[in-house]
Full PDB file with SEQRES, HELIX, SHEET, SSBOND, CRYST1, ORIGX, SCALE, CONECT and MASTER records, all heavy atoms in Angstrom:
SEQRES   1 A   30  GLU THR ILE ASP ALA VAL VAL LEU THR HIS ALA HIS ILE          
SEQRES   2 A   30  ASP HIS SER GLY TYR LEU PRO ALA LEU ALA ARG GLN GLY          
SEQRES   3 A   30  PHE SER GLY SER                                              
HELIX    1 AA1 ILE A   13  SER A   16  1                                   4    
HELIX    2 AA2 LEU A   19  ARG A   24  1                                   6    
CRYST1    1.000    1.000    1.000  90.00  90.00  90.00 P 1           1          
ORIGX1      1.000000  0.000000  0.000000        0.00000                         
ORIGX2      0.000000  1.000000  0.000000        0.00000                         
ORIGX3      0.000000  0.000000  1.000000        0.00000                         
SCALE1      1.000000  0.000000  0.000000        0.00000                         
SCALE2      0.000000  1.000000  0.000000        0.00000                         
SCALE3      0.000000  0.000000  1.000000        0.00000                         
ATOM      1  N   GLU A   1       1.178  -2.768  -9.201  1.00  0.00           N  
ATOM      2  CA  GLU A   1       2.290  -3.176  -8.343  1.00  0.00           C  
ATOM      3  C   GLU A   1       1.966  -3.057  -6.862  1.00  0.00           C  
ATOM      4  O   GLU A   1       2.686  -3.601  -6.013  1.00  0.00           O  
ATOM      5  CB  GLU A   1       3.549  -2.362  -8.667  1.00  0.00           C  
ATOM      6  CG  GLU A   1       3.439  -0.868  -8.426  1.00  0.00           C  
ATOM      7  CD  GLU A   1       2.991  -0.102  -9.658  1.00  0.00           C  
ATOM      8  OE1 GLU A   1       2.367  -0.717 -10.552  1.00  0.00           O  
ATOM      9  OE2 GLU A   1       3.268   1.115  -9.713  1.00  0.00           O  
ATOM     10  N   THR A   2       0.849  -2.376  -6.519  1.00  0.00           N  
ATOM     11  CA  THR A   2       0.454  -2.252  -5.111  1.00  0.00           C  
ATOM     12  C   THR A   2      -0.426  -3.417  -4.654  1.00  0.00           C  
ATOM     13  O   THR A   2      -0.792  -3.483  -3.478  1.00  0.00           O  
ATOM     14  CB  THR A   2      -0.290  -0.930  -4.861  1.00  0.00           C  
ATOM     15  OG1 THR A   2      -1.556  -0.940  -5.548  1.00  0.00           O  
ATOM     16  CG2 THR A   2       0.527   0.263  -5.335  1.00  0.00           C  
ATOM     17  N   ILE A   3      -0.775  -4.310  -5.561  1.00  0.00           N  
ATOM     18  CA  ILE A   3      -1.560  -5.501  -5.195  1.00  0.00           C  
ATOM     19  C   ILE A   3      -0.590  -6.564  -4.695  1.00  0.00           C  
ATOM     20  O   ILE A   3       0.382  -6.914  -5.376  1.00  0.00           O  
ATOM     21  CB  ILE A   3      -2.363  -6.020  -6.398  1.00  0.00           C  
ATOM     22  CG1 ILE A   3      -3.362  -4.957  -6.867  1.00  0.00           C  
ATOM     23  CG2 ILE A   3      -3.094  -7.310  -6.039  1.00  0.00           C  
ATOM     24  CD1 ILE A   3      -4.062  -5.300  -8.167  1.00  0.00           C  
ATOM     25  N   ASP A   4      -0.830  -7.072  -3.510  1.00  0.00           N  
ATOM     26  CA  ASP A   4       0.096  -8.018  -2.882  1.00  0.00           C  
ATOM     27  C   ASP A   4      -0.098  -9.452  -3.364  1.00  0.00           C  
ATOM     28  O   ASP A   4       0.864 -10.227  -3.415  1.00  0.00           O  
ATOM     29  CB  ASP A   4      -0.054  -7.958  -1.359  1.00  0.00           C  
ATOM     30  CG  ASP A   4       0.309  -6.584  -0.808  1.00  0.00           C  
ATOM     31  OD1 ASP A   4       1.507  -6.264  -0.793  1.00  0.00           O  
ATOM     32  OD2 ASP A   4      -0.609  -5.834  -0.432  1.00  0.00           O  
ATOM     33  N   ALA A   5      -1.335  -9.824  -3.683  1.00  0.00           N  
ATOM     34  CA  ALA A   5      -1.610 -11.205  -4.103  1.00  0.00           C  
ATOM     35  C   ALA A   5      -2.924 -11.252  -4.873  1.00  0.00           C  
ATOM     36  O   ALA A   5      -3.778 -10.366  -4.739  1.00  0.00           O  
ATOM     37  CB  ALA A   5      -1.678 -12.140  -2.899  1.00  0.00           C  
ATOM     38  N   VAL A   6      -3.063 -12.289  -5.698  1.00  0.00           N  
ATOM     39  CA  VAL A   6      -4.320 -12.590  -6.392  1.00  0.00           C  
ATOM     40  C   VAL A   6      -4.757 -13.990  -5.979  1.00  0.00           C  
ATOM     41  O   VAL A   6      -3.925 -14.900  -5.866  1.00  0.00           O  
ATOM     42  CB  VAL A   6      -4.158 -12.513  -7.927  1.00  0.00           C  
ATOM     43  CG1 VAL A   6      -5.425 -13.003  -8.629  1.00  0.00           C  
ATOM     44  CG2 VAL A   6      -3.829 -11.092  -8.370  1.00  0.00           C  
ATOM     45  N   VAL A   7      -6.038 -14.155  -5.720  1.00  0.00           N  
ATOM     46  CA  VAL A   7      -6.615 -15.464  -5.400  1.00  0.00           C  
ATOM     47  C   VAL A   7      -7.674 -15.769  -6.454  1.00  0.00           C  
ATOM     48  O   VAL A   7      -8.587 -14.971  -6.679  1.00  0.00           O  
ATOM     49  CB  VAL A   7      -7.247 -15.468  -3.987  1.00  0.00           C  
ATOM     50  CG1 VAL A   7      -7.899 -16.819  -3.697  1.00  0.00           C  
ATOM     51  CG2 VAL A   7      -6.195 -15.150  -2.932  1.00  0.00           C  
ATOM     52  N   LEU A   8      -7.546 -16.913  -7.131  1.00  0.00           N  
ATOM     53  CA  LEU A   8      -8.483 -17.287  -8.197  1.00  0.00           C  
ATOM     54  C   LEU A   8      -9.476 -18.332  -7.708  1.00  0.00           C  
ATOM     55  O   LEU A   8      -9.085 -19.325  -7.087  1.00  0.00           O  
ATOM     56  CB  LEU A   8      -7.731 -17.860  -9.401  1.00  0.00           C  
ATOM     57  CG  LEU A   8      -6.748 -16.945 -10.133  1.00  0.00           C  
ATOM     58  CD1 LEU A   8      -6.130 -17.698 -11.307  1.00  0.00           C  
ATOM     59  CD2 LEU A   8      -7.439 -15.679 -10.623  1.00  0.00           C  
ATOM     60  N   THR A   9     -10.764 -18.115  -8.034  1.00  0.00           N  
ATOM     61  CA  THR A   9     -11.760 -19.149  -7.739  1.00  0.00           C  
ATOM     62  C   THR A   9     -11.701 -20.277  -8.763  1.00  0.00           C  
ATOM     63  O   THR A   9     -11.892 -21.431  -8.419  1.00  0.00           O  
ATOM     64  CB  THR A   9     -13.185 -18.563  -7.717  1.00  0.00           C  
ATOM     65  OG1 THR A   9     -13.496 -18.004  -9.002  1.00  0.00           O  
ATOM     66  CG2 THR A   9     -13.319 -17.494  -6.643  1.00  0.00           C  
ATOM     67  N   HIS A  10     -11.439 -19.956 -10.034  1.00  0.00           N  
ATOM     68  CA  HIS A  10     -11.258 -20.995 -11.045  1.00  0.00           C  
ATOM     69  C   HIS A  10     -10.647 -20.399 -12.303  1.00  0.00           C  
ATOM     70  O   HIS A  10     -10.352 -19.193 -12.348  1.00  0.00           O  
ATOM     71  CB  HIS A  10     -12.565 -21.734 -11.348  1.00  0.00           C  
ATOM     72  CG  HIS A  10     -13.641 -20.929 -12.004  1.00  0.00           C  
ATOM     73  ND1 HIS A  10     -14.361 -19.957 -11.336  1.00  0.00           N  
ATOM     74  CD2 HIS A  10     -14.128 -20.935 -13.275  1.00  0.00           C  
ATOM     75  CE1 HIS A  10     -15.250 -19.419 -12.160  1.00  0.00           C  
ATOM     76  NE2 HIS A  10     -15.114 -19.983 -13.342  1.00  0.00           N  
ATOM     77  N   ALA A  11     -10.462 -21.234 -13.324  1.00  0.00           N  
ATOM     78  CA  ALA A  11      -9.608 -20.879 -14.460  1.00  0.00           C  
ATOM     79  C   ALA A  11     -10.322 -20.223 -15.621  1.00  0.00           C  
ATOM     80  O   ALA A  11      -9.649 -19.720 -16.531  1.00  0.00           O  
ATOM     81  CB  ALA A  11      -8.878 -22.135 -14.964  1.00  0.00           C  
ATOM     82  N   HIS A  12     -11.636 -20.226 -15.683  1.00  0.00           N  
ATOM     83  CA  HIS A  12     -12.311 -19.637 -16.832  1.00  0.00           C  
ATOM     84  C   HIS A  12     -11.838 -18.200 -17.057  1.00  0.00           C  
ATOM     85  O   HIS A  12     -11.564 -17.464 -16.105  1.00  0.00           O  
ATOM     86  CB  HIS A  12     -13.830 -19.681 -16.647  1.00  0.00           C  
ATOM     87  CG  HIS A  12     -14.438 -20.975 -17.098  1.00  0.00           C  
ATOM     88  ND1 HIS A  12     -15.614 -21.470 -16.569  1.00  0.00           N  
ATOM     89  CD2 HIS A  12     -14.053 -21.886 -18.036  1.00  0.00           C  
ATOM     90  CE1 HIS A  12     -15.915 -22.622 -17.154  1.00  0.00           C  
ATOM     91  NE2 HIS A  12     -14.981 -22.893 -18.047  1.00  0.00           N  
ATOM     92  N   ILE A  13     -11.778 -17.804 -18.318  1.00  0.00           N  
ATOM     93  CA  ILE A  13     -11.163 -16.535 -18.698  1.00  0.00           C  
ATOM     94  C   ILE A  13     -11.864 -15.333 -18.068  1.00  0.00           C  
ATOM     95  O   ILE A  13     -11.226 -14.314 -17.786  1.00  0.00           O  
ATOM     96  CB  ILE A  13     -11.129 -16.415 -20.237  1.00  0.00           C  
ATOM     97  CG1 ILE A  13     -10.104 -17.402 -20.816  1.00  0.00           C  
ATOM     98  CG2 ILE A  13     -10.788 -15.006 -20.687  1.00  0.00           C  
ATOM     99  CD1 ILE A  13      -8.669 -17.156 -20.356  1.00  0.00           C  
ATOM    100  N   ASP A  14     -13.162 -15.424 -17.813  1.00  0.00           N  
ATOM    101  CA  ASP A  14     -13.835 -14.291 -17.170  1.00  0.00           C  
ATOM    102  C   ASP A  14     -13.500 -14.202 -15.681  1.00  0.00           C  
ATOM    103  O   ASP A  14     -13.959 -13.282 -14.989  1.00  0.00           O  
ATOM    104  CB  ASP A  14     -15.348 -14.346 -17.387  1.00  0.00           C  
ATOM    105  CG  ASP A  14     -16.004 -15.584 -16.810  1.00  0.00           C  
ATOM    106  OD1 ASP A  14     -15.358 -16.642 -16.786  1.00  0.00           O  
ATOM    107  OD2 ASP A  14     -17.175 -15.502 -16.387  1.00  0.00           O  
ATOM    108  N   HIS A  15     -12.655 -15.124 -15.204  1.00  0.00           N  
ATOM    109  CA  HIS A  15     -12.174 -15.081 -13.816  1.00  0.00           C  
ATOM    110  C   HIS A  15     -10.652 -14.991 -13.725  1.00  0.00           C  
ATOM    111  O   HIS A  15     -10.128 -14.571 -12.697  1.00  0.00           O  
ATOM    112  CB  HIS A  15     -12.657 -16.309 -13.044  1.00  0.00           C  
ATOM    113  CG  HIS A  15     -14.133 -16.330 -12.833  1.00  0.00           C  
ATOM    114  ND1 HIS A  15     -14.720 -16.007 -11.626  1.00  0.00           N  
ATOM    115  CD2 HIS A  15     -15.155 -16.608 -13.687  1.00  0.00           C  
ATOM    116  CE1 HIS A  15     -16.045 -16.091 -11.752  1.00  0.00           C  
ATOM    117  NE2 HIS A  15     -16.323 -16.454 -12.994  1.00  0.00           N  
ATOM    118  N   SER A  16      -9.958 -15.406 -14.784  1.00  0.00           N  
ATOM    119  CA  SER A  16      -8.482 -15.415 -14.737  1.00  0.00           C  
ATOM    120  C   SER A  16      -7.829 -14.646 -15.879  1.00  0.00           C  
ATOM    121  O   SER A  16      -6.634 -14.367 -15.828  1.00  0.00           O  
ATOM    122  CB  SER A  16      -7.978 -16.871 -14.782  1.00  0.00           C  
ATOM    123  OG  SER A  16      -8.158 -17.423 -16.086  1.00  0.00           O  
ATOM    124  N   GLY A  17      -8.586 -14.298 -16.904  1.00  0.00           N  
ATOM    125  CA  GLY A  17      -7.998 -13.855 -18.168  1.00  0.00           C  
ATOM    126  C   GLY A  17      -7.344 -12.498 -18.180  1.00  0.00           C  
ATOM    127  O   GLY A  17      -6.645 -12.159 -19.146  1.00  0.00           O  
ATOM    128  N   TYR A  18      -7.528 -11.689 -17.123  1.00  0.00           N  
ATOM    129  CA  TYR A  18      -6.865 -10.382 -17.084  1.00  0.00           C  
ATOM    130  C   TYR A  18      -5.494 -10.460 -16.401  1.00  0.00           C  
ATOM    131  O   TYR A  18      -4.719  -9.506 -16.426  1.00  0.00           O  
ATOM    132  CB  TYR A  18      -7.755  -9.357 -16.361  1.00  0.00           C  
ATOM    133  CG  TYR A  18      -7.286  -7.921 -16.515  1.00  0.00           C  
ATOM    134  CD1 TYR A  18      -7.520  -7.202 -17.680  1.00  0.00           C  
ATOM    135  CD2 TYR A  18      -6.593  -7.281 -15.480  1.00  0.00           C  
ATOM    136  CE1 TYR A  18      -7.082  -5.896 -17.826  1.00  0.00           C  
ATOM    137  CE2 TYR A  18      -6.151  -5.975 -15.617  1.00  0.00           C  
ATOM    138  CZ  TYR A  18      -6.397  -5.280 -16.793  1.00  0.00           C  
ATOM    139  OH  TYR A  18      -5.959  -3.983 -16.931  1.00  0.00           O  
ATOM    140  N   LEU A  19      -5.174 -11.608 -15.821  1.00  0.00           N  
ATOM    141  CA  LEU A  19      -3.920 -11.744 -15.062  1.00  0.00           C  
ATOM    142  C   LEU A  19      -2.677 -11.339 -15.869  1.00  0.00           C  
ATOM    143  O   LEU A  19      -1.837 -10.585 -15.362  1.00  0.00           O  
ATOM    144  CB  LEU A  19      -3.766 -13.185 -14.576  1.00  0.00           C  
ATOM    145  CG  LEU A  19      -4.118 -13.481 -13.125  1.00  0.00           C  
ATOM    146  CD1 LEU A  19      -3.995 -14.967 -12.848  1.00  0.00           C  
ATOM    147  CD2 LEU A  19      -3.232 -12.686 -12.167  1.00  0.00           C  
ATOM    148  N   PRO A  20      -2.508 -11.829 -17.110  1.00  0.00           N  
ATOM    149  CA  PRO A  20      -1.315 -11.419 -17.856  1.00  0.00           C  
ATOM    150  C   PRO A  20      -1.250  -9.916 -18.105  1.00  0.00           C  
ATOM    151  O   PRO A  20      -0.152  -9.333 -18.116  1.00  0.00           O  
ATOM    152  CB  PRO A  20      -1.449 -12.198 -19.176  1.00  0.00           C  
ATOM    153  CG  PRO A  20      -2.287 -13.378 -18.829  1.00  0.00           C  
ATOM    154  CD  PRO A  20      -3.278 -12.859 -17.844  1.00  0.00           C  
ATOM    155  N   ALA A  21      -2.405  -9.277 -18.297  1.00  0.00           N  
ATOM    156  CA  ALA A  21      -2.423  -7.824 -18.467  1.00  0.00           C  
ATOM    157  C   ALA A  21      -2.017  -7.132 -17.171  1.00  0.00           C  
ATOM    158  O   ALA A  21      -1.277  -6.141 -17.180  1.00  0.00           O  
ATOM    159  CB  ALA A  21      -3.816  -7.357 -18.906  1.00  0.00           C  
ATOM    160  N   LEU A  22      -2.480  -7.666 -16.038  1.00  0.00           N  
ATOM    161  CA  LEU A  22      -2.126  -7.092 -14.737  1.00  0.00           C  
ATOM    162  C   LEU A  22      -0.625  -7.205 -14.503  1.00  0.00           C  
ATOM    163  O   LEU A  22       0.019  -6.257 -14.042  1.00  0.00           O  
ATOM    164  CB  LEU A  22      -2.904  -7.810 -13.629  1.00  0.00           C  
ATOM    165  CG  LEU A  22      -2.907  -7.139 -12.255  1.00  0.00           C  
ATOM    166  CD1 LEU A  22      -3.817  -5.913 -12.263  1.00  0.00           C  
ATOM    167  CD2 LEU A  22      -3.376  -8.118 -11.179  1.00  0.00           C  
ATOM    168  N   ALA A  23      -0.069  -8.378 -14.813  1.00  0.00           N  
ATOM    169  CA  ALA A  23       1.367  -8.591 -14.637  1.00  0.00           C  
ATOM    170  C   ALA A  23       2.172  -7.720 -15.602  1.00  0.00           C  
ATOM    171  O   ALA A  23       3.236  -7.196 -15.245  1.00  0.00           O  
ATOM    172  CB  ALA A  23       1.704 -10.062 -14.843  1.00  0.00           C  
ATOM    173  N   ARG A  24       1.665  -7.561 -16.798  1.00  0.00           N  
ATOM    174  CA  ARG A  24       2.330  -6.721 -17.788  1.00  0.00           C  
ATOM    175  C   ARG A  24       2.430  -5.264 -17.301  1.00  0.00           C  
ATOM    176  O   ARG A  24       3.368  -4.543 -17.644  1.00  0.00           O  
ATOM    177  CB  ARG A  24       1.554  -6.787 -19.103  1.00  0.00           C  
ATOM    178  CG  ARG A  24       2.211  -6.120 -20.290  1.00  0.00           C  
ATOM    179  CD  ARG A  24       1.397  -6.388 -21.552  1.00  0.00           C  
ATOM    180  NE  ARG A  24       2.034  -5.843 -22.725  1.00  0.00           N  
ATOM    181  CZ  ARG A  24       1.623  -6.066 -23.981  1.00  0.00           C  
ATOM    182  NH1 ARG A  24       0.570  -6.852 -24.201  1.00  0.00           N  
ATOM    183  NH2 ARG A  24       2.248  -5.525 -25.000  1.00  0.00           N  
ATOM    184  N   GLN A  25       1.450  -4.872 -16.454  1.00  0.00           N  
ATOM    185  CA  GLN A  25       1.417  -3.498 -15.939  1.00  0.00           C  
ATOM    186  C   GLN A  25       2.135  -3.345 -14.593  1.00  0.00           C  
ATOM    187  O   GLN A  25       2.138  -2.268 -14.025  1.00  0.00           O  
ATOM    188  CB  GLN A  25      -0.039  -3.048 -15.778  1.00  0.00           C  
ATOM    189  CG  GLN A  25      -0.814  -2.987 -17.087  1.00  0.00           C  
ATOM    190  CD  GLN A  25      -2.298  -2.790 -16.840  1.00  0.00           C  
ATOM    191  OE1 GLN A  25      -2.729  -1.746 -16.360  1.00  0.00           O  
ATOM    192  NE2 GLN A  25      -3.092  -3.807 -17.158  1.00  0.00           N  
ATOM    193  N   GLY A  26       2.712  -4.418 -14.080  1.00  0.00           N  
ATOM    194  CA  GLY A  26       3.519  -4.257 -12.873  1.00  0.00           C  
ATOM    195  C   GLY A  26       3.222  -5.175 -11.712  1.00  0.00           C  
ATOM    196  O   GLY A  26       3.974  -5.201 -10.734  1.00  0.00           O  
ATOM    197  N   PHE A  27       2.136  -5.946 -11.752  1.00  0.00           N  
ATOM    198  CA  PHE A  27       1.860  -6.872 -10.653  1.00  0.00           C  
ATOM    199  C   PHE A  27       2.920  -7.970 -10.629  1.00  0.00           C  
ATOM    200  O   PHE A  27       3.223  -8.582 -11.657  1.00  0.00           O  
ATOM    201  CB  PHE A  27       0.474  -7.494 -10.810  1.00  0.00           C  
ATOM    202  CG  PHE A  27       0.219  -8.639  -9.858  1.00  0.00           C  
ATOM    203  CD1 PHE A  27       0.026  -8.407  -8.509  1.00  0.00           C  
ATOM    204  CD2 PHE A  27       0.200  -9.956 -10.320  1.00  0.00           C  
ATOM    205  CE1 PHE A  27      -0.182  -9.458  -7.621  1.00  0.00           C  
ATOM    206  CE2 PHE A  27      -0.024 -11.006  -9.447  1.00  0.00           C  
ATOM    207  CZ  PHE A  27      -0.218 -10.756  -8.099  1.00  0.00           C  
ATOM    208  N   SER A  28       3.478  -8.247  -9.454  1.00  0.00           N  
ATOM    209  CA  SER A  28       4.502  -9.284  -9.345  1.00  0.00           C  
ATOM    210  C   SER A  28       4.304 -10.160  -8.108  1.00  0.00           C  
ATOM    211  O   SER A  28       5.217 -10.879  -7.696  1.00  0.00           O  
ATOM    212  CB  SER A  28       5.895  -8.648  -9.311  1.00  0.00           C  
ATOM    213  OG  SER A  28       6.020  -7.758  -8.199  1.00  0.00           O  
ATOM    214  N   GLY A  29       3.120 -10.089  -7.494  1.00  0.00           N  
ATOM    215  CA  GLY A  29       2.841 -10.891  -6.305  1.00  0.00           C  
ATOM    216  C   GLY A  29       2.523 -12.329  -6.661  1.00  0.00           C  
ATOM    217  O   GLY A  29       2.602 -12.753  -7.816  1.00  0.00           O  
ATOM    218  N   SER A  30       2.116 -13.101  -5.662  1.00  0.00           N  
ATOM    219  CA  SER A  30       1.775 -14.509  -5.871  1.00  0.00           C  
ATOM    220  C   SER A  30       0.315 -14.652  -6.280  1.00  0.00           C  
ATOM    221  O   SER A  30      -0.539 -13.847  -5.897  1.00  0.00           O  
ATOM    222  CB  SER A  30       2.029 -15.310  -4.593  1.00  0.00           C  
ATOM    223  OG  SER A  30       3.406 -15.309  -4.276  1.00  0.00           O  
TER     224      SER A  30                                                      
MASTER        0    0    0    2    0    0    0    6  223    1    0    3          
END                                                                             
């Protein structure tokens, strides 16, 4: 929840695939 934003270089899972886990743990930024 202390992370203000995430910036993705591309969609492959080794670059984006942890996002739902991060959000599940409290991340709510853009």
